[in-house]
Amino acid sequence: MPVKDIIVILFMLGGLFLFSTATLGLLRLPDFYTRLHATGKGDTLAALWSLIGLAVYHGFSLTSAKIIFIAVFMFLAQPTATHAISRAAFRCGVQPWTCELAVLLDEDTVE
């Protein structure tokens, strides 16, 4: 197996792992802000790694240059969008999770 294929597989598996952990964070974390943080960080890095893997797979070509351009745009746009969403939620009154809030709601997640 050529080295290029191994590098592509590693980047794609890394992207898959990061997408999976971001999804796990979305399902398991307690409130809007922590879920948004998990998915914002995880999806940004996962998309970046997956797109780099695709660019390496295509080699040095116009297609890989376009893929790198998309990756850079996503790397800049996704954190900005995540920040805008969290700021809008805070301004609309969405409260962050605290232990006191969990006790008031009588959740079983607090020990």
C-alpha atoms as a PDB file:
ATOM      1  CA  MET A   1       0.000   0.000   0.000  1.00  0.00           C
ATOM      2  CA  PRO A   2       1.484   3.370  -0.983  1.00  0.00           C
ATOM      3  CA  VAL A   3       2.330   5.955   1.663  1.00  0.00           C
ATOM      4  CA  LYS A   4      -0.177   8.385   0.146  1.00  0.00           C
ATOM      5  CA  ASP A   5      -3.024   5.934   0.764  1.00  0.00           C
ATOM      6  CA  ILE A   6      -1.942   5.439   4.368  1.00  0.00           C
ATOM      7  CA  ILE A   7      -1.895   9.212   4.937  1.00  0.00           C
ATOM      8  CA  VAL A   8      -5.358   9.533   3.373  1.00  0.00           C
ATOM      9  CA  ILE A   9      -6.707   6.726   5.554  1.00  0.00           C
ATOM     10  CA  LEU A  10      -5.251   8.316   8.698  1.00  0.00           C
ATOM     11  CA  PHE A  11      -6.761  11.724   7.929  1.00  0.00           C
ATOM     12  CA  MET A  12     -10.154  10.217   7.098  1.00  0.00           C
ATOM     13  CA  LEU A  13     -10.176   8.044  10.213  1.00  0.00           C
ATOM     14  CA  GLY A  14      -9.162  11.064  12.290  1.00  0.00           C
ATOM     15  CA  GLY A  15     -12.027  13.037  10.785  1.00  0.00           C
ATOM     16  CA  LEU A  16     -14.441  10.180  11.452  1.00  0.00           C
ATOM     17  CA  PHE A  17     -13.273   9.958  15.064  1.00  0.00           C
ATOM     18  CA  LEU A  18     -13.730  13.694  15.587  1.00  0.00           C
ATOM     19  CA  PHE A  19     -17.196  13.642  13.989  1.00  0.00           C
ATOM     20  CA  SER A  20     -18.117  10.720  16.263  1.00  0.00           C
ATOM     21  CA  THR A  21     -16.899  12.427  19.436  1.00  0.00           C
ATOM     22  CA  ALA A  22     -18.715  15.638  18.485  1.00  0.00           C
ATOM     23  CA  THR A  23     -21.925  13.645  18.023  1.00  0.00           C
ATOM     24  CA  LEU A  24     -21.367  11.918  21.359  1.00  0.00           C
ATOM     25  CA  GLY A  25     -20.899  15.334  22.979  1.00  0.00           C
ATOM     26  CA  LEU A  26     -24.115  16.557  21.401  1.00  0.00           C
ATOM     27  CA  LEU A  27     -26.017  13.610  22.827  1.00  0.00           C
ATOM     28  CA  ARG A  28     -24.431  13.425  26.276  1.00  0.00           C
ATOM     29  CA  LEU A  29     -23.651  16.967  27.451  1.00  0.00           C
ATOM     30  CA  PRO A  30     -26.180  18.724  29.702  1.00  0.00           C
ATOM     31  CA  ASP A  31     -26.999  22.085  28.126  1.00  0.00           C
ATOM     32  CA  PHE A  32     -27.049  24.133  24.951  1.00  0.00           C
ATOM     33  CA  TYR A  33     -23.675  25.833  25.427  1.00  0.00           C
ATOM     34  CA  THR A  34     -21.641  22.716  26.175  1.00  0.00           C
ATOM     35  CA  ARG A  35     -23.313  20.885  23.294  1.00  0.00           C
ATOM     36  CA  LEU A  36     -22.570  23.775  20.972  1.00  0.00           C
ATOM     37  CA  HIS A  37     -18.953  23.824  22.150  1.00  0.00           C
ATOM     38  CA  ALA A  38     -18.506  20.093  21.525  1.00  0.00           C
ATOM     39  CA  THR A  39     -20.041  20.170  18.081  1.00  0.00           C
ATOM     40  CA  GLY A  40     -18.376  23.442  17.115  1.00  0.00           C
ATOM     41  CA  LYS A  41     -14.867  22.260  17.908  1.00  0.00           C
ATOM     42  CA  GLY A  42     -15.336  18.673  16.816  1.00  0.00           C
ATOM     43  CA  ASP A  43     -17.044  19.384  13.509  1.00  0.00           C
ATOM     44  CA  THR A  44     -14.556  22.095  12.565  1.00  0.00           C
ATOM     45  CA  LEU A  45     -11.554  19.846  13.088  1.00  0.00           C
ATOM     46  CA  ALA A  46     -13.291  16.806  11.598  1.00  0.00           C
ATOM     47  CA  ALA A  47     -14.199  18.672   8.428  1.00  0.00           C
ATOM     48  CA  LEU A  48     -10.667  20.055   8.197  1.00  0.00           C
ATOM     49  CA  TRP A  49      -9.064  16.613   8.573  1.00  0.00           C
ATOM     50  CA  SER A  50     -11.474  14.973   6.151  1.00  0.00           C
ATOM     51  CA  LEU A  51     -10.951  17.654   3.520  1.00  0.00           C
ATOM     52  CA  ILE A  52      -7.177  17.461   3.906  1.00  0.00           C
ATOM     53  CA  GLY A  53      -7.465  13.698   3.400  1.00  0.00           C
ATOM     54  CA  LEU A  54      -9.434  14.297   0.200  1.00  0.00           C
ATOM     55  CA  ALA A  55      -6.870  16.834  -1.000  1.00  0.00           C
ATOM     56  CA  VAL A  56      -4.025  14.383  -0.408  1.00  0.00           C
ATOM     57  CA  TYR A  57      -6.000  11.677  -2.221  1.00  0.00           C
ATOM     58  CA  HIS A  58      -6.401  13.874  -5.315  1.00  0.00           C
ATOM     59  CA  GLY A  59      -2.725  14.840  -5.331  1.00  0.00           C
ATOM     60  CA  PHE A  60      -1.384  18.139  -6.579  1.00  0.00           C
ATOM     61  CA  SER A  61      -4.185  19.372  -8.842  1.00  0.00           C
ATOM     62  CA  LEU A  62      -6.796  22.053  -9.250  1.00  0.00           C
ATOM     63  CA  THR A  63      -9.288  19.864  -7.403  1.00  0.00           C
ATOM     64  CA  SER A  64      -7.064  19.625  -4.332  1.00  0.00           C
ATOM     65  CA  ALA A  65      -6.516  23.400  -4.410  1.00  0.00           C
ATOM     66  CA  LYS A  66     -10.293  23.897  -4.362  1.00  0.00           C
ATOM     67  CA  ILE A  67     -10.638  21.434  -1.500  1.00  0.00           C
ATOM     68  CA  ILE A  68      -7.961  23.272   0.507  1.00  0.00           C
ATOM     69  CA  PHE A  69      -9.749  26.572  -0.209  1.00  0.00           C
ATOM     70  CA  ILE A  70     -13.007  25.070   1.112  1.00  0.00           C
ATOM     71  CA  ALA A  71     -11.192  23.753   4.202  1.00  0.00           C
ATOM     72  CA  VAL A  72      -9.716  27.185   4.979  1.00  0.00           C
ATOM     73  CA  PHE A  73     -13.119  28.826   4.519  1.00  0.00           C
ATOM     74  CA  MET A  74     -14.767  26.288   6.836  1.00  0.00           C
ATOM     75  CA  PHE A  75     -11.987  26.689   9.390  1.00  0.00           C
ATOM     76  CA  LEU A  76     -12.722  30.421   9.489  1.00  0.00           C
ATOM     77  CA  ALA A  77     -16.517  30.335   9.161  1.00  0.00           C
ATOM     78  CA  GLN A  78     -17.547  27.564  11.556  1.00  0.00           C
ATOM     79  CA  PRO A  79     -16.094  29.075  14.767  1.00  0.00           C
ATOM     80  CA  THR A  80     -17.561  32.446  13.821  1.00  0.00           C
ATOM     81  CA  ALA A  81     -20.991  30.905  13.310  1.00  0.00           C
ATOM     82  CA  THR A  82     -20.721  28.981  16.584  1.00  0.00           C
ATOM     83  CA  HIS A  83     -19.871  32.188  18.432  1.00  0.00           C
ATOM     84  CA  ALA A  84     -22.768  34.051  16.806  1.00  0.00           C
ATOM     85  CA  ILE A  85     -25.221  31.294  17.735  1.00  0.00           C
ATOM     86  CA  SER A  86     -24.049  31.139  21.346  1.00  0.00           C
ATOM     87  CA  ARG A  87     -24.152  34.920  21.688  1.00  0.00           C
ATOM     88  CA  ALA A  88     -27.690  35.039  20.264  1.00  0.00           C
ATOM     89  CA  ALA A  89     -28.777  32.299  22.676  1.00  0.00           C
ATOM     90  CA  PHE A  90     -27.285  34.191  25.620  1.00  0.00           C
ATOM     91  CA  ARG A  91     -29.035  37.383  24.575  1.00  0.00           C
ATOM     92  CA  CYS A  92     -32.334  35.497  24.271  1.00  0.00           C
ATOM     93  CA  GLY A  93     -31.991  34.298  27.851  1.00  0.00           C
ATOM     94  CA  VAL A  94     -30.812  30.706  27.496  1.00  0.00           C
ATOM     95  CA  GLN A  95     -29.228  29.961  30.856  1.00  0.00           C
ATOM     96  CA  PRO A  96     -25.967  27.998  31.159  1.00  0.00           C
ATOM     97  CA  TRP A  97     -26.077  24.729  33.078  1.00  0.00           C
ATOM     98  CA  THR A  98     -24.936  24.842  36.697  1.00  0.00           C
ATOM     99  CA  CYS A  99     -25.009  22.319  39.526  1.00  0.00           C
ATOM    100  CA  GLU A 100     -27.547  24.494  41.354  1.00  0.00           C
ATOM    101  CA  LEU A 101     -29.817  24.421  38.314  1.00  0.00           C
ATOM    102  CA  ALA A 102     -29.525  20.640  38.149  1.00  0.00           C
ATOM    103  CA  VAL A 103     -30.483  20.342  41.826  1.00  0.00           C
ATOM    104  CA  LEU A 104     -33.478  22.617  41.288  1.00  0.00           C
ATOM    105  CA  LEU A 105     -34.586  20.518  38.338  1.00  0.00           C
ATOM    106  CA  ASP A 106     -33.939  17.327  40.356  1.00  0.00           C
ATOM    107  CA  GLU A 107     -31.760  15.749  37.687  1.00  0.00           C
ATOM    108  CA  ASP A 108     -30.108  12.422  38.279  1.00  0.00           C
ATOM    109  CA  THR A 109     -26.922  13.490  36.478  1.00  0.00           C
ATOM    110  CA  VAL A 110     -25.511  15.303  39.548  1.00  0.00           C
ATOM    111  CA  GLU A 111     -23.919  13.172  42.210  1.00  0.00           C
END
